[in-house]
Amino acid sequence: MNLEHTEGKITFTPNGKVDISGIAQAVKNAGFSVRYLKAGFVLDNTAGTCINYKGDTYSVVHPTAGPHSGTTVVTFLGPAYQAKKDLKKWGSQLTNGCGTKGNLYYITL
């Protein structure tokens, strides 16, 4: 944690499954707020608005041109991952067109 810059960084074991909701909750349980949550994903020619990754579903809001390969930084959207003022910008766009496999997360690339 870097309190001076109000940010924290977590590094995970390669190929492990990560509980994104659990991370956001742990930050809140420690007495901090979550203004944004970003993660680097290693993607392999991924395109479109729905990504299935390690058993979870990621619904891409405003997808950029793809396909995406290599480490791609994603930003998580929703009340658990954003400040209220930022959620107002995205809130109406968080609709699930993917079906659900595992946990459902809304992201931007």
PDB file of N, CA and C in Angstrom:
ATOM      1  N   MET A   1       0.844  -1.178   0.000  1.00  0.00           N
ATOM      2  CA  MET A   1       0.000   0.000   0.000  1.00  0.00           C
ATOM      3  C   MET A   1       0.890   1.241   0.000  1.00  0.00           C
ATOM      4  N   ASN A   2       0.521   2.214  -0.789  1.00  0.00           N
ATOM      5  CA  ASN A   2       1.222   3.479  -0.821  1.00  0.00           C
ATOM      6  C   ASN A   2       0.217   4.549  -0.396  1.00  0.00           C
ATOM      7  N   LEU A   3       0.227   4.885   0.886  1.00  0.00           N
ATOM      8  CA  LEU A   3      -0.754   5.833   1.410  1.00  0.00           C
ATOM      9  C   LEU A   3      -0.550   7.239   0.869  1.00  0.00           C
ATOM     10  N   GLU A   4       0.694   7.593   0.559  1.00  0.00           N
ATOM     11  CA  GLU A   4       0.969   8.923   0.020  1.00  0.00           C
ATOM     12  C   GLU A   4       0.270   9.130  -1.320  1.00  0.00           C
ATOM     13  N   HIS A   5       0.244   8.091  -2.147  1.00  0.00           N
ATOM     14  CA  HIS A   5      -0.394   8.175  -3.462  1.00  0.00           C
ATOM     15  C   HIS A   5      -1.773   7.517  -3.471  1.00  0.00           C
ATOM     16  N   THR A   6      -2.249   7.116  -2.322  1.00  0.00           N
ATOM     17  CA  THR A   6      -3.548   6.452  -2.144  1.00  0.00           C
ATOM     18  C   THR A   6      -3.779   5.337  -3.154  1.00  0.00           C
ATOM     19  N   GLU A   7      -2.809   4.437  -3.223  1.00  0.00           N
ATOM     20  CA  GLU A   7      -2.954   3.296  -4.119  1.00  0.00           C
ATOM     21  C   GLU A   7      -2.283   2.080  -3.506  1.00  0.00           C
ATOM     22  N   GLY A   8      -2.689   0.936  -3.993  1.00  0.00           N
ATOM     23  CA  GLY A   8      -2.080  -0.314  -3.563  1.00  0.00           C
ATOM     24  C   GLY A   8      -1.866  -1.202  -4.771  1.00  0.00           C
ATOM     25  N   LYS A   9      -0.894  -2.087  -4.690  1.00  0.00           N
ATOM     26  CA  LYS A   9      -0.598  -3.007  -5.777  1.00  0.00           C
ATOM     27  C   LYS A   9      -0.539  -4.414  -5.215  1.00  0.00           C
ATOM     28  N   ILE A  10      -1.153  -5.347  -5.928  1.00  0.00           N
ATOM     29  CA  ILE A  10      -1.147  -6.750  -5.523  1.00  0.00           C
ATOM     30  C   ILE A  10      -0.602  -7.556  -6.692  1.00  0.00           C
ATOM     31  N   THR A  11       0.314  -8.463  -6.412  1.00  0.00           N
ATOM     32  CA  THR A  11       0.852  -9.345  -7.449  1.00  0.00           C
ATOM     33  C   THR A  11       0.387 -10.764  -7.148  1.00  0.00           C
ATOM     34  N   PHE A  12      -0.067 -11.480  -8.174  1.00  0.00           N
ATOM     35  CA  PHE A  12      -0.616 -12.813  -7.998  1.00  0.00           C
ATOM     36  C   PHE A  12       0.275 -13.871  -8.629  1.00  0.00           C
ATOM     37  N   THR A  13       0.099 -15.078  -8.184  1.00  0.00           N
ATOM     38  CA  THR A  13       0.795 -16.220  -8.747  1.00  0.00           C
ATOM     39  C   THR A  13       0.307 -16.433 -10.176  1.00  0.00           C
ATOM     40  N   PRO A  14       1.219 -16.633 -11.140  1.00  0.00           N
ATOM     41  CA  PRO A  14       0.785 -16.885 -12.519  1.00  0.00           C
ATOM     42  C   PRO A  14      -0.156 -18.091 -12.592  1.00  0.00           C
ATOM     43  N   ASN A  15      -1.159 -17.979 -13.443  1.00  0.00           N
ATOM     44  CA  ASN A  15      -2.143 -19.021 -13.720  1.00  0.00           C
ATOM     45  C   ASN A  15      -3.082 -19.327 -12.560  1.00  0.00           C
ATOM     46  N   GLY A  16      -3.055 -18.525 -11.508  1.00  0.00           N
ATOM     47  CA  GLY A  16      -3.981 -18.723 -10.402  1.00  0.00           C
ATOM     48  C   GLY A  16      -5.279 -17.994 -10.647  1.00  0.00           C
ATOM     49  N   LYS A  17      -6.357 -18.466 -10.030  1.00  0.00           N
ATOM     50  CA  LYS A  17      -7.645 -17.786 -10.133  1.00  0.00           C
ATOM     51  C   LYS A  17      -7.697 -16.700  -9.070  1.00  0.00           C
ATOM     52  N   VAL A  18      -8.171 -15.535  -9.443  1.00  0.00           N
ATOM     53  CA  VAL A  18      -8.207 -14.378  -8.559  1.00  0.00           C
ATOM     54  C   VAL A  18      -9.663 -14.018  -8.265  1.00  0.00           C
ATOM     55  N   ASP A  19      -9.962 -13.751  -7.005  1.00  0.00           N
ATOM     56  CA  ASP A  19     -11.296 -13.345  -6.591  1.00  0.00           C
ATOM     57  C   ASP A  19     -11.341 -11.816  -6.535  1.00  0.00           C
ATOM     58  N   ILE A  20     -11.757 -11.193  -7.626  1.00  0.00           N
ATOM     59  CA  ILE A  20     -11.775  -9.733  -7.735  1.00  0.00           C
ATOM     60  C   ILE A  20     -12.703  -9.121  -6.689  1.00  0.00           C
ATOM     61  N   SER A  21     -13.880  -9.691  -6.495  1.00  0.00           N
ATOM     62  CA  SER A  21     -14.811  -9.175  -5.491  1.00  0.00           C
ATOM     63  C   SER A  21     -14.202  -9.265  -4.101  1.00  0.00           C
ATOM     64  N   GLY A  22     -13.482 -10.346  -3.840  1.00  0.00           N
ATOM     65  CA  GLY A  22     -12.825 -10.526  -2.551  1.00  0.00           C
ATOM     66  C   GLY A  22     -11.753  -9.483  -2.306  1.00  0.00           C
ATOM     67  N   ILE A  23     -11.042  -9.103  -3.348  1.00  0.00           N
ATOM     68  CA  ILE A  23     -10.012  -8.067  -3.217  1.00  0.00           C
ATOM     69  C   ILE A  23     -10.660  -6.735  -2.839  1.00  0.00           C
ATOM     70  N   ALA A  24     -11.712  -6.361  -3.562  1.00  0.00           N
ATOM     71  CA  ALA A  24     -12.396  -5.098  -3.271  1.00  0.00           C
ATOM     72  C   ALA A  24     -12.939  -5.104  -1.844  1.00  0.00           C
ATOM     73  N   GLN A  25     -13.492  -6.228  -1.406  1.00  0.00           N
ATOM     74  CA  GLN A  25     -14.042  -6.316  -0.056  1.00  0.00           C
ATOM     75  C   GLN A  25     -12.937  -6.245   0.993  1.00  0.00           C
ATOM     76  N   ALA A  26     -11.801  -6.868   0.738  1.00  0.00           N
ATOM     77  CA  ALA A  26     -10.681  -6.831   1.681  1.00  0.00           C
ATOM     78  C   ALA A  26     -10.153  -5.403   1.856  1.00  0.00           C
ATOM     79  N   VAL A  27     -10.126  -4.639   0.770  1.00  0.00           N
ATOM     80  CA  VAL A  27      -9.689  -3.243   0.841  1.00  0.00           C
ATOM     81  C   VAL A  27     -10.656  -2.455   1.732  1.00  0.00           C
ATOM     82  N   LYS A  28     -11.951  -2.669   1.535  1.00  0.00           N
ATOM     83  CA  LYS A  28     -12.957  -1.978   2.355  1.00  0.00           C
ATOM     84  C   LYS A  28     -12.868  -2.426   3.809  1.00  0.00           C
ATOM     85  N   ASN A  29     -12.671  -3.727   4.037  1.00  0.00           N
ATOM     86  CA  ASN A  29     -12.566  -4.247   5.407  1.00  0.00           C
ATOM     87  C   ASN A  29     -11.352  -3.668   6.135  1.00  0.00           C
ATOM     88  N   ALA A  30     -10.329  -3.285   5.373  1.00  0.00           N
ATOM     89  CA  ALA A  30      -9.128  -2.693   5.966  1.00  0.00           C
ATOM     90  C   ALA A  30      -9.317  -1.206   6.264  1.00  0.00           C
ATOM     91  N   GLY A  31     -10.498  -0.671   5.948  1.00  0.00           N
ATOM     92  CA  GLY A  31     -10.793   0.727   6.259  1.00  0.00           C
ATOM     93  C   GLY A  31     -10.540   1.695   5.129  1.00  0.00           C
ATOM     94  N   PHE A  32     -10.310   1.183   3.920  1.00  0.00           N
ATOM     95  CA  PHE A  32     -10.059   2.039   2.764  1.00  0.00           C
ATOM     96  C   PHE A  32     -11.264   1.992   1.832  1.00  0.00           C
ATOM     97  N   SER A  33     -11.336   2.927   0.903  1.00  0.00           N
ATOM     98  CA  SER A  33     -12.373   2.886  -0.125  1.00  0.00           C
ATOM     99  C   SER A  33     -11.723   2.471  -1.442  1.00  0.00           C
ATOM    100  N   VAL A  34     -12.537   1.977  -2.353  1.00  0.00           N
ATOM    101  CA  VAL A  34     -12.059   1.591  -3.681  1.00  0.00           C
ATOM    102  C   VAL A  34     -12.553   2.652  -4.654  1.00  0.00           C
ATOM    103  N   ARG A  35     -11.607   3.439  -5.203  1.00  0.00           N
ATOM    104  CA  ARG A  35     -11.961   4.449  -6.209  1.00  0.00           C
ATOM    105  C   ARG A  35     -11.919   3.854  -7.606  1.00  0.00           C
ATOM    106  N   TYR A  36     -10.999   2.941  -7.822  1.00  0.00           N
ATOM    107  CA  TYR A  36     -10.929   2.212  -9.081  1.00  0.00           C
ATOM    108  C   TYR A  36     -10.153   0.934  -8.834  1.00  0.00           C
ATOM    109  N   LEU A  37     -10.407  -0.054  -9.676  1.00  0.00           N
ATOM    110  CA  LEU A  37      -9.712  -1.335  -9.584  1.00  0.00           C
ATOM    111  C   LEU A  37      -9.328  -1.737 -10.997  1.00  0.00           C
ATOM    112  N   LYS A  38      -8.031  -1.899 -11.207  1.00  0.00           N
ATOM    113  CA  LYS A  38      -7.505  -2.301 -12.508  1.00  0.00           C
ATOM    114  C   LYS A  38      -6.704  -3.572 -12.334  1.00  0.00           C
ATOM    115  N   ALA A  39      -6.643  -4.363 -13.403  1.00  0.00           N
ATOM    116  CA  ALA A  39      -5.862  -5.605 -13.367  1.00  0.00           C
ATOM    117  C   ALA A  39      -5.294  -5.874 -14.754  1.00  0.00           C
ATOM    118  N   GLY A  40      -4.129  -6.478 -14.783  1.00  0.00           N
ATOM    119  CA  GLY A  40      -3.525  -6.898 -16.043  1.00  0.00           C
ATOM    120  C   GLY A  40      -3.881  -8.352 -16.309  1.00  0.00           C
ATOM    121  N   PHE A  41      -4.517  -8.616 -17.435  1.00  0.00           N
ATOM    122  CA  PHE A  41      -4.881  -9.967 -17.840  1.00  0.00           C
ATOM    123  C   PHE A  41      -4.033 -10.363 -19.038  1.00  0.00           C
ATOM    124  N   VAL A  42      -3.604 -11.594 -19.093  1.00  0.00           N
ATOM    125  CA  VAL A  42      -2.906 -12.105 -20.268  1.00  0.00           C
ATOM    126  C   VAL A  42      -3.969 -12.727 -21.167  1.00  0.00           C
ATOM    127  N   LEU A  43      -4.220 -12.070 -22.306  1.00  0.00           N
ATOM    128  CA  LEU A  43      -5.251 -12.516 -23.240  1.00  0.00           C
ATOM    129  C   LEU A  43      -4.607 -13.112 -24.478  1.00  0.00           C
ATOM    130  N   ASP A  44      -5.332 -14.030 -25.106  1.00  0.00           N
ATOM    131  CA  ASP A  44      -4.840 -14.713 -26.293  1.00  0.00           C
ATOM    132  C   ASP A  44      -5.847 -14.529 -27.424  1.00  0.00           C
ATOM    133  N   ASN A  45      -5.640 -13.502 -28.261  1.00  0.00           N
ATOM    134  CA  ASN A  45      -6.524 -13.203 -29.386  1.00  0.00           C
ATOM    135  C   ASN A  45      -7.979 -13.092 -28.963  1.00  0.00           C
ATOM    136  N   THR A  46      -8.246 -12.301 -27.960  1.00  0.00           N
ATOM    137  CA  THR A  46      -9.592 -12.133 -27.427  1.00  0.00           C
ATOM    138  C   THR A  46     -10.239 -10.921 -28.077  1.00  0.00           C
ATOM    139  N   ALA A  47     -11.467 -11.097 -28.549  1.00  0.00           N
ATOM    140  CA  ALA A  47     -12.210 -10.000 -29.167  1.00  0.00           C
ATOM    141  C   ALA A  47     -13.669 -10.107 -28.741  1.00  0.00           C
ATOM    142  N   GLY A  48     -14.413  -9.027 -28.958  1.00  0.00           N
ATOM    143  CA  GLY A  48     -15.843  -9.048 -28.680  1.00  0.00           C
ATOM    144  C   GLY A  48     -16.184  -8.445 -27.333  1.00  0.00           C
ATOM    145  N   THR A  49     -17.446  -8.622 -26.948  1.00  0.00           N
ATOM    146  CA  THR A  49     -17.935  -8.002 -25.726  1.00  0.00           C
ATOM    147  C   THR A  49     -18.022  -8.961 -24.553  1.00  0.00           C
ATOM    148  N   CYS A  50     -17.770 -10.243 -24.768  1.00  0.00           N
ATOM    149  CA  CYS A  50     -17.845 -11.227 -23.689  1.00  0.00           C
ATOM    150  C   CYS A  50     -16.545 -12.027 -23.643  1.00  0.00           C
ATOM    151  N   ILE A  51     -15.936 -12.060 -22.476  1.00  0.00           N
ATOM    152  CA  ILE A  51     -14.696 -12.810 -22.300  1.00  0.00           C
ATOM    153  C   ILE A  51     -14.905 -13.812 -21.172  1.00  0.00           C
ATOM    154  N   ASN A  52     -14.643 -15.060 -21.455  1.00  0.00           N
ATOM    155  CA  ASN A  52     -14.647 -16.078 -20.407  1.00  0.00           C
ATOM    156  C   ASN A  52     -13.193 -16.333 -20.049  1.00  0.00           C
ATOM    157  N   TYR A  53     -12.874 -16.163 -18.758  1.00  0.00           N
ATOM    158  CA  TYR A  53     -11.483 -16.246 -18.320  1.00  0.00           C
ATOM    159  C   TYR A  53     -11.450 -16.935 -16.967  1.00  0.00           C
ATOM    160  N   LYS A  54     -10.795 -18.085 -16.916  1.00  0.00           N
ATOM    161  CA  LYS A  54     -10.621 -18.837 -15.673  1.00  0.00           C
ATOM    162  C   LYS A  54     -11.945 -19.076 -14.957  1.00  0.00           C
ATOM    163  N   GLY A  55     -12.989 -19.401 -15.730  1.00  0.00           N
ATOM    164  CA  GLY A  55     -14.278 -19.756 -15.144  1.00  0.00           C
ATOM    165  C   GLY A  55     -15.212 -18.600 -14.842  1.00  0.00           C
ATOM    166  N   ASP A  56     -14.794 -17.362 -15.105  1.00  0.00           N
ATOM    167  CA  ASP A  56     -15.652 -16.201 -14.875  1.00  0.00           C
ATOM    168  C   ASP A  56     -15.982 -15.518 -16.191  1.00  0.00           C
ATOM    169  N   THR A  57     -17.016 -14.687 -16.179  1.00  0.00           N
ATOM    170  CA  THR A  57     -17.445 -13.954 -17.367  1.00  0.00           C
ATOM    171  C   THR A  57     -17.158 -12.474 -17.175  1.00  0.00           C
ATOM    172  N   TYR A  58     -16.571 -11.857 -18.205  1.00  0.00           N
ATOM    173  CA  TYR A  58     -16.243 -10.439 -18.203  1.00  0.00           C
ATOM    174  C   TYR A  58     -16.987  -9.792 -19.361  1.00  0.00           C
ATOM    175  N   SER A  59     -17.917  -8.898 -19.039  1.00  0.00           N
ATOM    176  CA  SER A  59     -18.691  -8.187 -20.042  1.00  0.00           C
ATOM    177  C   SER A  59     -17.972  -6.874 -20.339  1.00  0.00           C
ATOM    178  N   VAL A  60     -17.530  -6.705 -21.584  1.00  0.00           N
ATOM    179  CA  VAL A  60     -16.735  -5.539 -21.969  1.00  0.00           C
ATOM    180  C   VAL A  60     -17.673  -4.404 -22.369  1.00  0.00           C
ATOM    181  N   VAL A  61     -17.576  -3.289 -21.646  1.00  0.00           N
ATOM    182  CA  VAL A  61     -18.360  -2.098 -21.937  1.00  0.00           C
ATOM    183  C   VAL A  61     -17.516  -1.226 -22.861  1.00  0.00           C
ATOM    184  N   HIS A  62     -18.076  -0.820 -23.981  1.00  0.00           N
ATOM    185  CA  HIS A  62     -17.367  -0.034 -25.000  1.00  0.00           C
ATOM    186  C   HIS A  62     -16.078  -0.739 -25.444  1.00  0.00           C
ATOM    187  N   PRO A  63     -16.208  -1.902 -26.072  1.00  0.00           N
ATOM    188  CA  PRO A  63     -14.989  -2.616 -26.493  1.00  0.00           C
ATOM    189  C   PRO A  63     -14.194  -1.818 -27.511  1.00  0.00           C
ATOM    190  N   THR A  64     -12.882  -1.947 -27.424  1.00  0.00           N
ATOM    191  CA  THR A  64     -11.993  -1.329 -28.403  1.00  0.00           C
ATOM    192  C   THR A  64     -11.702  -2.352 -29.484  1.00  0.00           C
ATOM    193  N   ALA A  65     -11.098  -1.897 -30.575  1.00  0.00           N
ATOM    194  CA  ALA A  65     -10.770  -2.814 -31.666  1.00  0.00           C
ATOM    195  C   ALA A  65      -9.888  -3.932 -31.139  1.00  0.00           C
ATOM    196  N   GLY A  66     -10.116  -5.107 -31.576  1.00  0.00           N
ATOM    197  CA  GLY A  66      -9.338  -6.266 -31.128  1.00  0.00           C
ATOM    198  C   GLY A  66      -8.947  -7.060 -32.335  1.00  0.00           C
ATOM    199  N   PRO A  67      -8.468  -8.223 -32.185  1.00  0.00           N
ATOM    200  CA  PRO A  67      -8.376  -8.960 -30.927  1.00  0.00           C
ATOM    201  C   PRO A  67      -7.218  -8.468 -30.058  1.00  0.00           C
ATOM    202  N   HIS A  68      -7.327  -8.763 -28.766  1.00  0.00           N
ATOM    203  CA  HIS A  68      -6.313  -8.378 -27.799  1.00  0.00           C
ATOM    204  C   HIS A  68      -5.467  -9.591 -27.449  1.00  0.00           C
ATOM    205  N   SER A  69      -4.166  -9.396 -27.432  1.00  0.00           N
ATOM    206  CA  SER A  69      -3.239 -10.457 -27.058  1.00  0.00           C
ATOM    207  C   SER A  69      -2.203  -9.882 -26.107  1.00  0.00           C
ATOM    208  N   GLY A  70      -1.665 -10.746 -25.260  1.00  0.00           N
ATOM    209  CA  GLY A  70      -0.660 -10.318 -24.301  1.00  0.00           C
ATOM    210  C   GLY A  70      -1.299  -9.676 -23.089  1.00  0.00           C
ATOM    211  N   THR A  71      -0.499  -8.998 -22.290  1.00  0.00           N
ATOM    212  CA  THR A  71      -1.021  -8.381 -21.077  1.00  0.00           C
ATOM    213  C   THR A  71      -1.861  -7.163 -21.437  1.00  0.00           C
ATOM    214  N   THR A  72      -3.106  -7.188 -21.013  1.00  0.00           N
ATOM    215  CA  THR A  72      -4.059  -6.123 -21.279  1.00  0.00           C
ATOM    216  C   THR A  72      -4.592  -5.627 -19.944  1.00  0.00           C
ATOM    217  N   VAL A  73      -4.543  -4.320 -19.722  1.00  0.00           N
ATOM    218  CA  VAL A  73      -5.052  -3.755 -18.479  1.00  0.00           C
ATOM    219  C   VAL A  73      -6.547  -3.512 -18.626  1.00  0.00           C
ATOM    220  N   VAL A  74      -7.311  -4.032 -17.684  1.00  0.00           N
ATOM    221  CA  VAL A  74      -8.751  -3.829 -17.665  1.00  0.00           C
ATOM    222  C   VAL A  74      -9.113  -3.014 -16.425  1.00  0.00           C
ATOM    223  N   THR A  75     -10.170  -2.227 -16.539  1.00  0.00           N
ATOM    224  CA  THR A  75     -10.706  -1.461 -15.419  1.00  0.00           C
ATOM    225  C   THR A  75     -12.063  -2.049 -15.079  1.00  0.00           C
ATOM    226  N   PHE A  76     -12.269  -2.366 -13.809  1.00  0.00           N
ATOM    227  CA  PHE A  76     -13.531  -2.953 -13.375  1.00  0.00           C
ATOM    228  C   PHE A  76     -14.544  -1.857 -13.121  1.00  0.00           C
ATOM    229  N   LEU A  77     -15.793  -2.113 -13.515  1.00  0.00           N
ATOM    230  CA  LEU A  77     -16.886  -1.159 -13.380  1.00  0.00           C
ATOM    231  C   LEU A  77     -17.935  -1.721 -12.435  1.00  0.00           C
ATOM    232  N   GLY A  78     -18.563  -0.850 -11.689  1.00  0.00           N
ATOM    233  CA  GLY A  78     -19.634  -1.261 -10.787  1.00  0.00           C
ATOM    234  C   GLY A  78     -19.441  -0.674  -9.406  1.00  0.00           C
ATOM    235  N   PRO A  79     -20.473  -0.769  -8.559  1.00  0.00           N
ATOM    236  CA  PRO A  79     -20.436  -0.115  -7.257  1.00  0.00           C
ATOM    237  C   PRO A  79     -19.312  -0.594  -6.337  1.00  0.00           C
ATOM    238  N   ALA A  80     -18.862  -1.816  -6.483  1.00  0.00           N
ATOM    239  CA  ALA A  80     -17.793  -2.328  -5.620  1.00  0.00           C
ATOM    240  C   ALA A  80     -16.410  -1.870  -6.058  1.00  0.00           C
ATOM    241  N   TYR A  81     -16.305  -1.326  -7.279  1.00  0.00           N
ATOM    242  CA  TYR A  81     -14.996  -1.036  -7.867  1.00  0.00           C
ATOM    243  C   TYR A  81     -14.776   0.417  -8.266  1.00  0.00           C
ATOM    244  N   GLN A  82     -15.755   1.270  -8.053  1.00  0.00           N
ATOM    245  CA  GLN A  82     -15.644   2.659  -8.512  1.00  0.00           C
ATOM    246  C   GLN A  82     -16.168   3.632  -7.467  1.00  0.00           C
ATOM    247  N   ALA A  83     -15.686   4.866  -7.541  1.00  0.00           N
ATOM    248  CA  ALA A  83     -16.256   5.944  -6.746  1.00  0.00           C
ATOM    249  C   ALA A  83     -17.653   6.243  -7.277  1.00  0.00           C
ATOM    250  N   LYS A  84     -18.530   6.734  -6.430  1.00  0.00           N
ATOM    251  CA  LYS A  84     -19.921   6.995  -6.827  1.00  0.00           C
ATOM    252  C   LYS A  84     -20.023   7.927  -8.023  1.00  0.00           C
ATOM    253  N   LYS A  85     -19.179   8.957  -8.074  1.00  0.00           N
ATOM    254  CA  LYS A  85     -19.259   9.901  -9.195  1.00  0.00           C
ATOM    255  C   LYS A  85     -18.897   9.217 -10.516  1.00  0.00           C
ATOM    256  N   ASP A  86     -17.952   8.282 -10.493  1.00  0.00           N
ATOM    257  CA  ASP A  86     -17.580   7.552 -11.706  1.00  0.00           C
ATOM    258  C   ASP A  86     -18.640   6.529 -12.086  1.00  0.00           C
ATOM    259  N   LEU A  87     -19.288   5.967 -11.090  1.00  0.00           N
ATOM    260  CA  LEU A  87     -20.340   4.987 -11.353  1.00  0.00           C
ATOM    261  C   LEU A  87     -21.499   5.626 -12.113  1.00  0.00           C
ATOM    262  N   LYS A  88     -21.774   6.892 -11.853  1.00  0.00           N
ATOM    263  CA  LYS A  88     -22.854   7.588 -12.569  1.00  0.00           C
ATOM    264  C   LYS A  88     -22.603   7.573 -14.074  1.00  0.00           C
ATOM    265  N   LYS A  89     -21.348   7.675 -14.463  1.00  0.00           N
ATOM    266  CA  LYS A  89     -20.990   7.690 -15.890  1.00  0.00           C
ATOM    267  C   LYS A  89     -21.281   6.340 -16.544  1.00  0.00           C
ATOM    268  N   TRP A  90     -21.031   5.255 -15.827  1.00  0.00           N
ATOM    269  CA  TRP A  90     -21.108   3.926 -16.424  1.00  0.00           C
ATOM    270  C   TRP A  90     -22.353   3.131 -16.030  1.00  0.00           C
ATOM    271  N   GLY A  91     -22.991   3.492 -14.928  1.00  0.00           N
ATOM    272  CA  GLY A  91     -24.048   2.672 -14.341  1.00  0.00           C
ATOM    273  C   GLY A  91     -25.103   2.167 -15.309  1.00  0.00           C
ATOM    274  N   SER A  92     -25.609   3.026 -16.177  1.00  0.00           N
ATOM    275  CA  SER A  92     -26.680   2.617 -17.096  1.00  0.00           C
ATOM    276  C   SER A  92     -26.182   1.678 -18.188  1.00  0.00           C
ATOM    277  N   GLN A  93     -24.873   1.546 -18.355  1.00  0.00           N
ATOM    278  CA  GLN A  93     -24.317   0.700 -19.415  1.00  0.00           C
ATOM    279  C   GLN A  93     -23.944  -0.699 -18.921  1.00  0.00           C
ATOM    280  N   LEU A  94     -24.178  -0.961 -17.641  1.00  0.00           N
ATOM    281  CA  LEU A  94     -23.800  -2.249 -17.076  1.00  0.00           C
ATOM    282  C   LEU A  94     -24.946  -3.236 -17.212  1.00  0.00           C
ATOM    283  N   THR A  95     -25.093  -3.753 -18.426  1.00  0.00           N
ATOM    284  CA  THR A  95     -26.127  -4.745 -18.698  1.00  0.00           C
ATOM    285  C   THR A  95     -25.460  -6.010 -19.216  1.00  0.00           C
ATOM    286  N   ASN A  96     -25.960  -7.134 -18.791  1.00  0.00           N
ATOM    287  CA  ASN A  96     -25.342  -8.413 -19.119  1.00  0.00           C
ATOM    288  C   ASN A  96     -25.901  -8.977 -20.417  1.00  0.00           C
ATOM    289  N   GLY A  97     -25.108  -8.950 -21.466  1.00  0.00           N
ATOM    290  CA  GLY A  97     -25.482  -9.572 -22.726  1.00  0.00           C
ATOM    291  C   GLY A  97     -24.689 -10.838 -22.970  1.00  0.00           C
ATOM    292  N   CYS A  98     -24.011 -11.340 -21.955  1.00  0.00           N
ATOM    293  CA  CYS A  98     -23.085 -12.454 -22.122  1.00  0.00           C
ATOM    294  C   CYS A  98     -23.612 -13.783 -21.613  1.00  0.00           C
ATOM    295  N   GLY A  99     -24.682 -13.775 -20.833  1.00  0.00           N
ATOM    296  CA  GLY A  99     -24.988 -14.971 -20.069  1.00  0.00           C
ATOM    297  C   GLY A  99     -23.988 -14.967 -18.915  1.00  0.00           C
ATOM    298  N   THR A 100     -24.054 -15.939 -18.068  1.00  0.00           N
ATOM    299  CA  THR A 100     -23.127 -15.914 -16.943  1.00  0.00           C
ATOM    300  C   THR A 100     -22.491 -17.272 -16.752  1.00  0.00           C
ATOM    301  N   LYS A 101     -21.184 -17.255 -16.670  1.00  0.00           N
ATOM    302  CA  LYS A 101     -20.407 -18.429 -16.336  1.00  0.00           C
ATOM    303  C   LYS A 101     -19.528 -18.007 -15.171  1.00  0.00           C
ATOM    304  N   GLY A 102     -19.733 -18.563 -13.989  1.00  0.00           N
ATOM    305  CA  GLY A 102     -18.986 -18.130 -12.811  1.00  0.00           C
ATOM    306  C   GLY A 102     -19.430 -16.744 -12.401  1.00  0.00           C
ATOM    307  N   ASN A 103     -18.528 -15.968 -11.864  1.00  0.00           N
ATOM    308  CA  ASN A 103     -18.825 -14.583 -11.473  1.00  0.00           C
ATOM    309  C   ASN A 103     -18.924 -13.718 -12.718  1.00  0.00           C
ATOM    310  N   LEU A 104     -19.743 -12.674 -12.656  1.00  0.00           N
ATOM    311  CA  LEU A 104     -19.884 -11.722 -13.762  1.00  0.00           C
ATOM    312  C   LEU A 104     -19.245 -10.405 -13.355  1.00  0.00           C
ATOM    313  N   TYR A 105     -18.360  -9.896 -14.207  1.00  0.00           N
ATOM    314  CA  TYR A 105     -17.705  -8.615 -13.988  1.00  0.00           C
ATOM    315  C   TYR A 105     -17.875  -7.744 -15.214  1.00  0.00           C
ATOM    316  N   TYR A 106     -18.047  -6.434 -15.001  1.00  0.00           N
ATOM    317  CA  TYR A 106     -18.089  -5.471 -16.099  1.00  0.00           C
ATOM    318  C   TYR A 106     -16.748  -4.774 -16.150  1.00  0.00           C
ATOM    319  N   ILE A 107     -16.191  -4.671 -17.360  1.00  0.00           N
ATOM    320  CA  ILE A 107     -14.850  -4.100 -17.509  1.00  0.00           C
ATOM    321  C   ILE A 107     -14.786  -3.202 -18.744  1.00  0.00           C
ATOM    322  N   THR A 108     -13.759  -2.363 -18.774  1.00  0.00           N
ATOM    323  CA  THR A 108     -13.361  -1.665 -19.996  1.00  0.00           C
ATOM    324  C   THR A 108     -11.910  -2.072 -20.265  1.00  0.00           C
ATOM    325  N   LEU A 109     -11.567  -2.093 -21.540  1.00  0.00           N
ATOM    326  CA  LEU A 109     -10.196  -2.442 -21.931  1.00  0.00           C
ATOM    327  C   LEU A 109      -9.416  -1.191 -22.226  1.00  0.00           C
TER     328      LEU A 109
END
